[in-house]
């Protein structure tokens, strides 16, 4: 594996000139997210229109995928949720586009604080308190029904995650933390049914993103949180696209809460037919996966100045991964996702 830089903390993400103080990766958030020190426009008041922040939570159960997001993309807040039933392909998604992110609150760091949206009778609250992350959702008018949820994710201090800080041209940057395989408990109510969420079978994901992108951006992200045949928890986090990843990629897998870092990973897929199998292979032989989709989620936004198109494929991973100490892990039928995202934002 090519050399990758490890972030060292504590410290600030940005220096006094608005540049990244460090580039690289870590297994937790080690740098304070001081977005107030951005300096990519001469007129400072305009910078807030280009800074983007989001908290995306999801839980994978044996039968369903539930996802909830609160985001502020500068001139607009976007709050959305979706539900997918694996066996039938039944799918429901609702998105709120909120001018100037009115009613949206998102904390500074991933380690504490509250993400909140309240408006139109809808209430989403994500709270971080030590090792416990709680989600409370009340969404009347979610299609023809109501979506309610009370979820708790446990992230012990020793549970590792993938954090990267990478530069983007023009004093832009991406600061991201992904947490896989969070044991989940609680319940979700949807279409008159109550789904019990139990940590023995249900695992959560967090995609915590902060940064400033070029107006036209592209990326691919693949992830999963599930169980091996021997019941050990296994997570995947793979991606490529924007930014300078010479200091670090976000590629890794997570086995029983420990990150096993990967270097570059080559993706092969057909963007004319996203339902065709994908492959993800590392040149050093540590990762060899085939991803076979069974469902395609397409999310399009066209607000003139903001356009986005996501093809998020849900499917099963099969193949192998090699741990840092050289042990080969067989992956069979692991449910997860892989997406291509094109944005003008």
Protein backbone atom coordinates (compact mmCIF):
# COMPACT_ATOMS: atom_id res chain seq x y z
CA UNK A 1 0.00 0.00 0.00
CA UNK A 2 1.24 3.47 -0.87
CA UNK A 3 2.23 5.69 2.06
CA UNK A 4 -0.65 7.66 3.54
CA UNK A 5 -0.39 10.44 6.10
CA UNK A 6 -1.92 10.08 9.54
CA UNK A 7 -3.61 13.17 10.97
CA UNK A 8 -2.31 14.24 14.36
CA UNK A 9 -4.35 16.07 16.96
CA UNK A 10 -5.57 17.94 18.78
CA UNK A 11 -5.53 20.99 16.54
CA UNK A 12 -7.58 23.00 14.09
CA UNK A 13 -8.64 21.86 10.64
CA UNK A 14 -7.79 25.22 9.01
CA UNK A 15 -4.83 27.50 9.65
CA UNK A 16 -4.95 31.30 9.78
CA UNK A 17 -4.74 31.51 5.97
CA UNK A 18 -7.75 29.25 5.52
CA UNK A 19 -5.73 26.30 4.25
CA UNK A 20 -5.83 22.82 5.70
CA UNK A 21 -3.40 22.58 8.60
CA UNK A 22 -2.88 18.89 7.77
CA UNK A 23 -3.96 16.44 5.11
CA UNK A 24 -4.46 12.75 5.69
CA UNK A 25 -6.59 10.28 7.58
CA UNK A 26 -7.37 9.16 11.12
CA UNK A 27 -9.57 6.63 12.88
CA UNK A 28 -11.51 9.35 14.72
CA UNK A 29 -12.06 13.09 14.44
CA UNK A 30 -8.87 14.68 15.76
CA UNK A 31 -9.11 18.22 14.30
CA UNK A 32 -11.59 20.90 15.33
CA UNK A 33 -13.82 21.86 12.40
CA UNK A 34 -13.18 25.63 12.43
CA UNK A 35 -15.12 26.56 9.30
CA UNK A 36 -15.20 30.20 10.42
CA UNK A 37 -11.56 30.43 9.28
CA UNK A 38 -12.31 29.66 5.62
CA UNK A 39 -10.70 32.19 3.23
CA UNK A 40 -11.63 31.26 -0.32
CA UNK A 41 -13.57 34.47 -1.16
CA UNK A 42 -12.45 38.04 -0.54
CA UNK A 43 -15.94 38.93 0.68
CA UNK A 44 -16.24 36.83 3.80
CA UNK A 45 -20.02 37.03 4.02
CA UNK A 46 -20.26 35.16 0.70
CA UNK A 47 -18.35 32.17 2.02
CA UNK A 48 -21.30 30.86 3.98
CA UNK A 49 -23.15 30.35 0.70
CA UNK A 50 -20.52 27.83 -0.44
CA UNK A 51 -19.83 25.88 2.76
CA UNK A 52 -21.67 22.58 2.92
CA UNK A 53 -22.34 20.48 6.01
CA UNK A 54 -24.39 17.33 6.51
CA UNK A 55 -25.17 14.51 8.90
CA UNK A 56 -26.43 11.37 7.13
CA UNK A 57 -27.53 8.45 9.29
CA UNK A 58 -28.72 5.06 8.09
CA UNK A 59 -29.58 1.71 9.60
CA UNK A 60 -29.46 -1.61 7.75
CA UNK A 61 -31.80 -4.31 9.04
CA UNK A 62 -32.31 -7.83 7.68
CA UNK A 63 -35.37 -6.58 5.73
CA UNK A 64 -35.12 -2.79 5.31
CA UNK A 65 -32.86 0.22 4.92
CA UNK A 66 -33.84 3.43 6.74
CA UNK A 67 -32.00 6.71 6.19
CA UNK A 68 -32.31 10.23 7.65
CA UNK A 69 -30.31 13.35 6.70
CA UNK A 70 -30.07 16.94 7.89
CA UNK A 71 -27.91 19.18 5.69
CA UNK A 72 -27.09 22.81 5.00
CA UNK A 73 -25.53 23.32 1.58
CA UNK A 74 -25.09 27.09 1.93
CA UNK A 75 -28.04 28.75 0.26
CA UNK A 76 -30.38 25.87 0.97
CA UNK A 77 -31.16 23.35 3.63
CA UNK A 78 -31.97 19.84 2.49
CA UNK A 79 -33.65 17.39 4.84
CA UNK A 80 -34.60 13.98 3.55
CA UNK A 81 -35.48 10.45 4.54
CA UNK A 82 -36.05 7.23 2.66
CA UNK A 83 -37.13 3.66 3.25
CA UNK A 84 -36.31 0.62 1.12
CA UNK A 85 -37.76 -2.86 1.56
CA UNK A 86 -35.21 -5.32 0.21
CA UNK A 87 -37.49 -8.22 -0.74
CA UNK A 88 -40.05 -6.23 -2.73
CA UNK A 89 -38.14 -3.12 -3.81
CA UNK A 90 -40.82 -0.93 -2.24
CA UNK A 91 -39.32 2.52 -1.78
CA UNK A 92 -40.44 5.85 -0.39
CA UNK A 93 -38.43 9.08 -0.19
CA UNK A 94 -39.35 12.59 0.86
CA UNK A 95 -37.09 15.65 0.55
CA UNK A 96 -37.51 19.13 1.98
CA UNK A 97 -35.70 22.03 0.26
CA UNK A 98 -35.51 24.89 2.74
CA UNK A 99 -34.39 28.37 1.59
CA UNK A 100 -31.38 29.59 3.57
CA UNK A 101 -31.65 26.47 5.77
CA UNK A 102 -34.27 28.06 8.01
CA UNK A 103 -34.95 25.78 10.97
CA UNK A 104 -31.78 23.74 10.37
CA UNK A 105 -29.14 23.45 13.09
CA UNK A 106 -25.97 21.41 12.67
CA UNK A 107 -23.15 21.18 15.25
CA UNK A 108 -19.51 22.08 14.74
CA UNK A 109 -17.98 18.64 15.26
CA UNK A 110 -18.94 14.98 14.99
CA UNK A 111 -18.14 14.23 18.62
CA UNK A 112 -20.90 16.16 20.39
CA UNK A 113 -23.92 18.37 19.87
CA UNK A 114 -27.32 18.32 18.26
CA UNK A 115 -28.44 18.34 14.63
CA UNK A 116 -31.99 19.62 14.33
CA UNK A 117 -34.71 20.46 11.86
CA UNK A 118 -38.14 21.74 12.86
CA UNK A 119 -40.71 23.03 10.42
CA UNK A 120 -44.08 22.25 8.89
CA UNK A 121 -44.92 19.83 11.68
CA UNK A 122 -41.80 17.80 10.97
CA UNK A 123 -39.11 17.25 13.56
CA UNK A 124 -35.74 15.52 13.14
CA UNK A 125 -33.27 15.55 16.00
CA UNK A 126 -29.86 13.84 16.06
CA UNK A 127 -28.01 14.04 19.36
CA UNK A 128 -24.46 12.99 20.28
CA UNK A 129 -23.70 12.42 23.96
CA UNK A 130 -20.49 10.52 24.62
CA UNK A 131 -20.70 7.03 23.15
CA UNK A 132 -24.43 7.32 22.48
CA UNK A 133 -26.06 8.76 19.35
CA UNK A 134 -29.83 9.13 19.36
CA UNK A 135 -32.16 9.91 16.48
CA UNK A 136 -35.73 11.10 16.94
CA UNK A 137 -37.87 11.53 13.82
CA UNK A 138 -41.47 12.71 13.42
CA UNK A 139 -42.44 13.11 9.77
CA UNK A 140 -46.20 13.38 9.14
CA UNK A 141 -47.19 13.32 5.49
CA UNK A 142 -44.40 10.97 4.50
CA UNK A 143 -46.12 9.88 1.32
CA UNK A 144 -49.52 8.57 2.33
CA UNK A 145 -48.43 7.83 5.87
CA UNK A 146 -46.25 9.02 8.76
CA UNK A 147 -42.62 8.09 9.38
CA UNK A 148 -41.60 8.02 13.04
CA UNK A 149 -38.39 6.70 14.55
CA UNK A 150 -36.54 6.48 17.84
CA UNK A 151 -33.07 5.04 17.33
CA UNK A 152 -29.93 4.69 19.40
CA UNK A 153 -26.45 3.91 18.10
CA UNK A 154 -23.62 2.98 20.45
CA UNK A 155 -20.07 3.98 19.48
CA UNK A 156 -17.56 3.02 22.21
CA UNK A 157 -14.36 5.06 22.41
CA UNK A 158 -12.36 2.16 20.95
CA UNK A 159 -14.65 1.84 17.90
CA UNK A 160 -12.66 3.16 14.95
CA UNK A 161 -13.99 5.18 12.01
CA UNK A 162 -12.59 6.67 8.80
CA UNK A 163 -11.79 10.38 8.89
CA UNK A 164 -10.10 12.23 6.03
CA UNK A 165 -9.03 15.81 5.37
CA UNK A 166 -8.12 16.44 1.73
CA UNK A 167 -7.61 19.60 -0.33
CA UNK A 168 -9.65 20.69 -3.34
CA UNK A 169 -8.29 23.37 -5.72
CA UNK A 170 -9.04 27.01 -4.92
CA UNK A 171 -8.57 26.70 -1.14
CA UNK A 172 -11.48 24.29 -1.01
CA UNK A 173 -11.40 21.11 1.07
CA UNK A 174 -13.29 18.07 2.26
CA UNK A 175 -13.42 16.96 5.91
CA UNK A 176 -15.33 13.75 6.43
CA UNK A 177 -15.93 11.08 9.02
CA UNK A 178 -17.63 7.79 8.26
CA UNK A 179 -18.66 5.46 11.06
CA UNK A 180 -19.65 1.92 10.10
CA UNK A 181 -21.19 -0.92 12.07
CA UNK A 182 -22.76 1.03 14.92
CA UNK A 183 -24.95 -1.38 16.94
CA UNK A 184 -28.49 -0.04 16.60
CA UNK A 185 -31.57 -0.33 18.80
CA UNK A 186 -35.01 1.25 18.93
CA UNK A 187 -37.92 1.28 16.49
CA UNK A 188 -39.23 2.70 13.23
CA UNK A 189 -42.93 3.17 12.45
CA UNK A 190 -43.88 3.28 8.79
CA UNK A 191 -47.08 2.48 6.87
CA UNK A 192 -48.79 1.25 10.01
CA UNK A 193 -46.00 -1.18 10.84
CA UNK A 194 -43.57 -1.01 13.73
CA UNK A 195 -40.09 -2.33 13.02
CA UNK A 196 -38.06 -3.29 16.07
CA UNK A 197 -34.37 -2.46 15.68
CA UNK A 198 -32.06 -4.80 17.59
CA UNK A 199 -28.24 -4.62 17.77
CA UNK A 200 -27.83 -8.36 17.13
CA UNK A 201 -29.12 -7.90 13.57
CA UNK A 202 -29.15 -4.14 12.81
CA UNK A 203 -26.19 -1.82 12.27
CA UNK A 204 -25.95 1.92 11.66
CA UNK A 205 -23.85 4.19 9.47
CA UNK A 206 -22.90 7.85 9.78
CA UNK A 207 -21.64 10.00 6.92
CA UNK A 208 -20.54 13.27 8.52
CA UNK A 209 -19.39 15.76 5.89
CA UNK A 210 -18.02 19.29 6.06
CA UNK A 211 -16.33 21.23 3.27
CA UNK A 212 -16.22 23.49 0.28
CA UNK A 213 -16.38 21.97 -3.19
CA UNK A 214 -15.88 23.11 -6.72
CA UNK A 215 -19.20 24.05 -8.31
CA UNK A 216 -19.14 20.96 -10.53
CA UNK A 217 -18.33 17.84 -8.53
CA UNK A 218 -18.38 14.09 -9.01
CA UNK A 219 -17.84 11.18 -6.68
CA UNK A 220 -18.42 7.48 -6.15
CA UNK A 221 -19.05 6.04 -2.69
CA UNK A 222 -19.52 2.43 -1.65
CA UNK A 223 -20.37 1.24 1.84
CA UNK A 224 -21.88 -1.54 3.92
CA UNK A 225 -22.42 -2.50 7.54
CA UNK A 226 -23.32 -6.10 8.25
CA UNK A 227 -22.17 -9.45 9.54
CA UNK A 228 -19.86 -12.22 8.38
CA UNK A 229 -21.02 -15.82 8.54
CA UNK A 230 -19.28 -16.16 11.92
CA UNK A 231 -21.33 -13.14 13.20
CA UNK A 232 -18.41 -10.72 13.34
CA UNK A 233 -19.33 -7.18 12.27
CA UNK A 234 -17.88 -6.10 8.92
CA UNK A 235 -18.07 -2.68 7.31
CA UNK A 236 -16.88 -1.29 3.98
CA UNK A 237 -16.04 2.29 3.05
CA UNK A 238 -14.66 2.91 -0.44
CA UNK A 239 -14.68 5.90 -2.74
CA UNK A 240 -13.06 8.21 -5.25
CA UNK A 241 -13.82 11.42 -7.13
CA UNK A 242 -13.08 15.00 -6.16
CA UNK A 243 -10.06 16.28 -4.27
CA UNK A 244 -6.40 15.42 -3.93
CA UNK A 245 -6.12 11.98 -2.32
CA UNK A 246 -2.33 11.74 -2.51
CA UNK A 247 -2.11 12.10 1.28
CA UNK A 248 -4.93 9.65 1.99
CA UNK A 249 -7.88 7.81 0.51
CA UNK A 250 -11.02 6.99 2.45
CA UNK A 251 -10.75 3.31 1.49
CA UNK A 252 -10.93 0.82 4.32
CA UNK A 253 -12.89 -2.01 5.82
CA UNK A 254 -13.89 -2.24 9.46
CA UNK A 255 -13.78 -5.57 11.29
CA UNK A 256 -15.22 -5.73 14.80
CA UNK A 257 -14.69 -1.99 15.25
CA UNK A 258 -11.10 -1.87 13.94
CA UNK A 259 -10.21 -0.02 10.72
CA UNK A 260 -8.05 -1.88 8.21
CA UNK A 261 -6.70 0.81 5.90
CA UNK A 262 -6.51 0.36 2.14
CA UNK A 263 -4.77 2.43 -0.48
CA UNK A 264 -6.16 2.96 -3.95
CA UNK A 265 -9.11 0.87 -5.09
CA UNK A 266 -10.09 0.49 -8.74
CA UNK A 267 -13.82 0.63 -9.47
CA UNK A 268 -15.31 -0.85 -12.63
CA UNK A 269 -19.00 -0.29 -13.39
CA UNK A 270 -21.29 0.64 -16.28
CA UNK A 271 -22.75 4.13 -15.90
CA UNK A 272 -25.16 3.35 -18.74
CA UNK A 273 -26.48 0.37 -16.79
CA UNK A 274 -25.90 0.79 -13.07
CA UNK A 275 -27.70 -2.51 -12.39
CA UNK A 276 -24.84 -4.45 -13.98
CA UNK A 277 -22.30 -5.90 -11.51
CA UNK A 278 -19.60 -3.58 -10.13
CA UNK A 279 -16.09 -4.60 -9.13
CA UNK A 280 -13.81 -3.01 -6.53
CA UNK A 281 -10.23 -4.28 -6.56
CA UNK A 282 -7.07 -3.00 -4.88
CA UNK A 283 -3.82 -3.33 -6.90
CA UNK A 284 -2.04 -4.86 -3.91
CA UNK A 285 -4.54 -7.71 -3.74
CA UNK A 286 -6.00 -6.83 -0.34
CA UNK A 287 -9.50 -6.23 -1.69
CA UNK A 288 -11.37 -8.13 -4.38
CA UNK A 289 -15.12 -7.55 -4.45
CA UNK A 290 -18.04 -8.00 -6.80
CA UNK A 291 -21.11 -5.92 -6.02
CA UNK A 292 -24.36 -7.17 -7.57
CA UNK A 293 -27.19 -4.62 -7.36
CA UNK A 294 -30.82 -5.57 -6.74
CA UNK A 295 -32.31 -2.05 -6.43
CA UNK A 296 -31.58 1.38 -7.90
CA UNK A 297 -32.44 4.55 -6.02
CA UNK A 298 -32.37 7.61 -8.26
CA UNK A 299 -32.47 11.03 -6.60
CA UNK A 300 -32.54 14.12 -8.82
CA UNK A 301 -32.64 17.78 -7.83
CA UNK A 302 -32.92 20.63 -10.33
CA UNK A 303 -33.17 24.06 -8.75
CA UNK A 304 -31.31 25.81 -11.61
CA UNK A 305 -28.29 26.97 -9.61
CA UNK A 306 -28.25 23.63 -7.82
CA UNK A 307 -28.43 20.36 -9.68
CA UNK A 308 -27.75 16.90 -8.39
CA UNK A 309 -28.20 13.38 -9.70
CA UNK A 310 -27.51 10.32 -7.59
CA UNK A 311 -27.70 6.69 -8.64
CA UNK A 312 -27.46 4.76 -5.38
CA UNK A 313 -27.43 1.03 -5.95
CA UNK A 314 -28.33 -1.45 -3.23
CA UNK A 315 -27.02 -4.95 -3.60
CA UNK A 316 -24.80 -7.70 -2.24
CA UNK A 317 -21.02 -7.80 -1.91
CA UNK A 318 -19.10 -11.01 -2.47
CA UNK A 319 -15.35 -11.50 -2.41
CA UNK A 320 -12.49 -11.10 0.02
CA UNK A 321 -10.46 -8.62 2.05
CA UNK A 322 -7.10 -9.03 3.75
CA UNK A 323 -6.54 -7.58 7.22
CA UNK A 324 -3.56 -5.49 8.27
CA UNK A 325 -1.98 -8.62 9.75
CA UNK A 326 -2.47 -10.68 6.58
CA UNK A 327 -5.60 -12.69 7.37
CA UNK A 328 -8.03 -13.25 4.50
CA UNK A 329 -11.68 -12.51 5.21
CA UNK A 330 -14.36 -14.04 3.00
CA UNK A 331 -17.34 -11.76 2.33
CA UNK A 332 -20.55 -13.42 1.16
CA UNK A 333 -23.92 -11.79 0.47
CA UNK A 334 -23.15 -8.62 2.44
CA UNK A 335 -25.93 -6.08 1.77
CA UNK A 336 -24.69 -2.56 1.11
CA UNK A 337 -24.69 0.18 -1.48
CA UNK A 338 -22.61 1.87 -4.15
CA UNK A 339 -23.44 5.23 -5.70
CA UNK A 340 -22.40 7.66 -8.40
CA UNK A 341 -23.14 11.32 -7.68
CA UNK A 342 -22.87 14.24 -10.09
CA UNK A 343 -23.52 17.70 -8.69
CA UNK A 344 -23.51 21.36 -9.62
CA UNK A 345 -23.73 23.04 -6.24
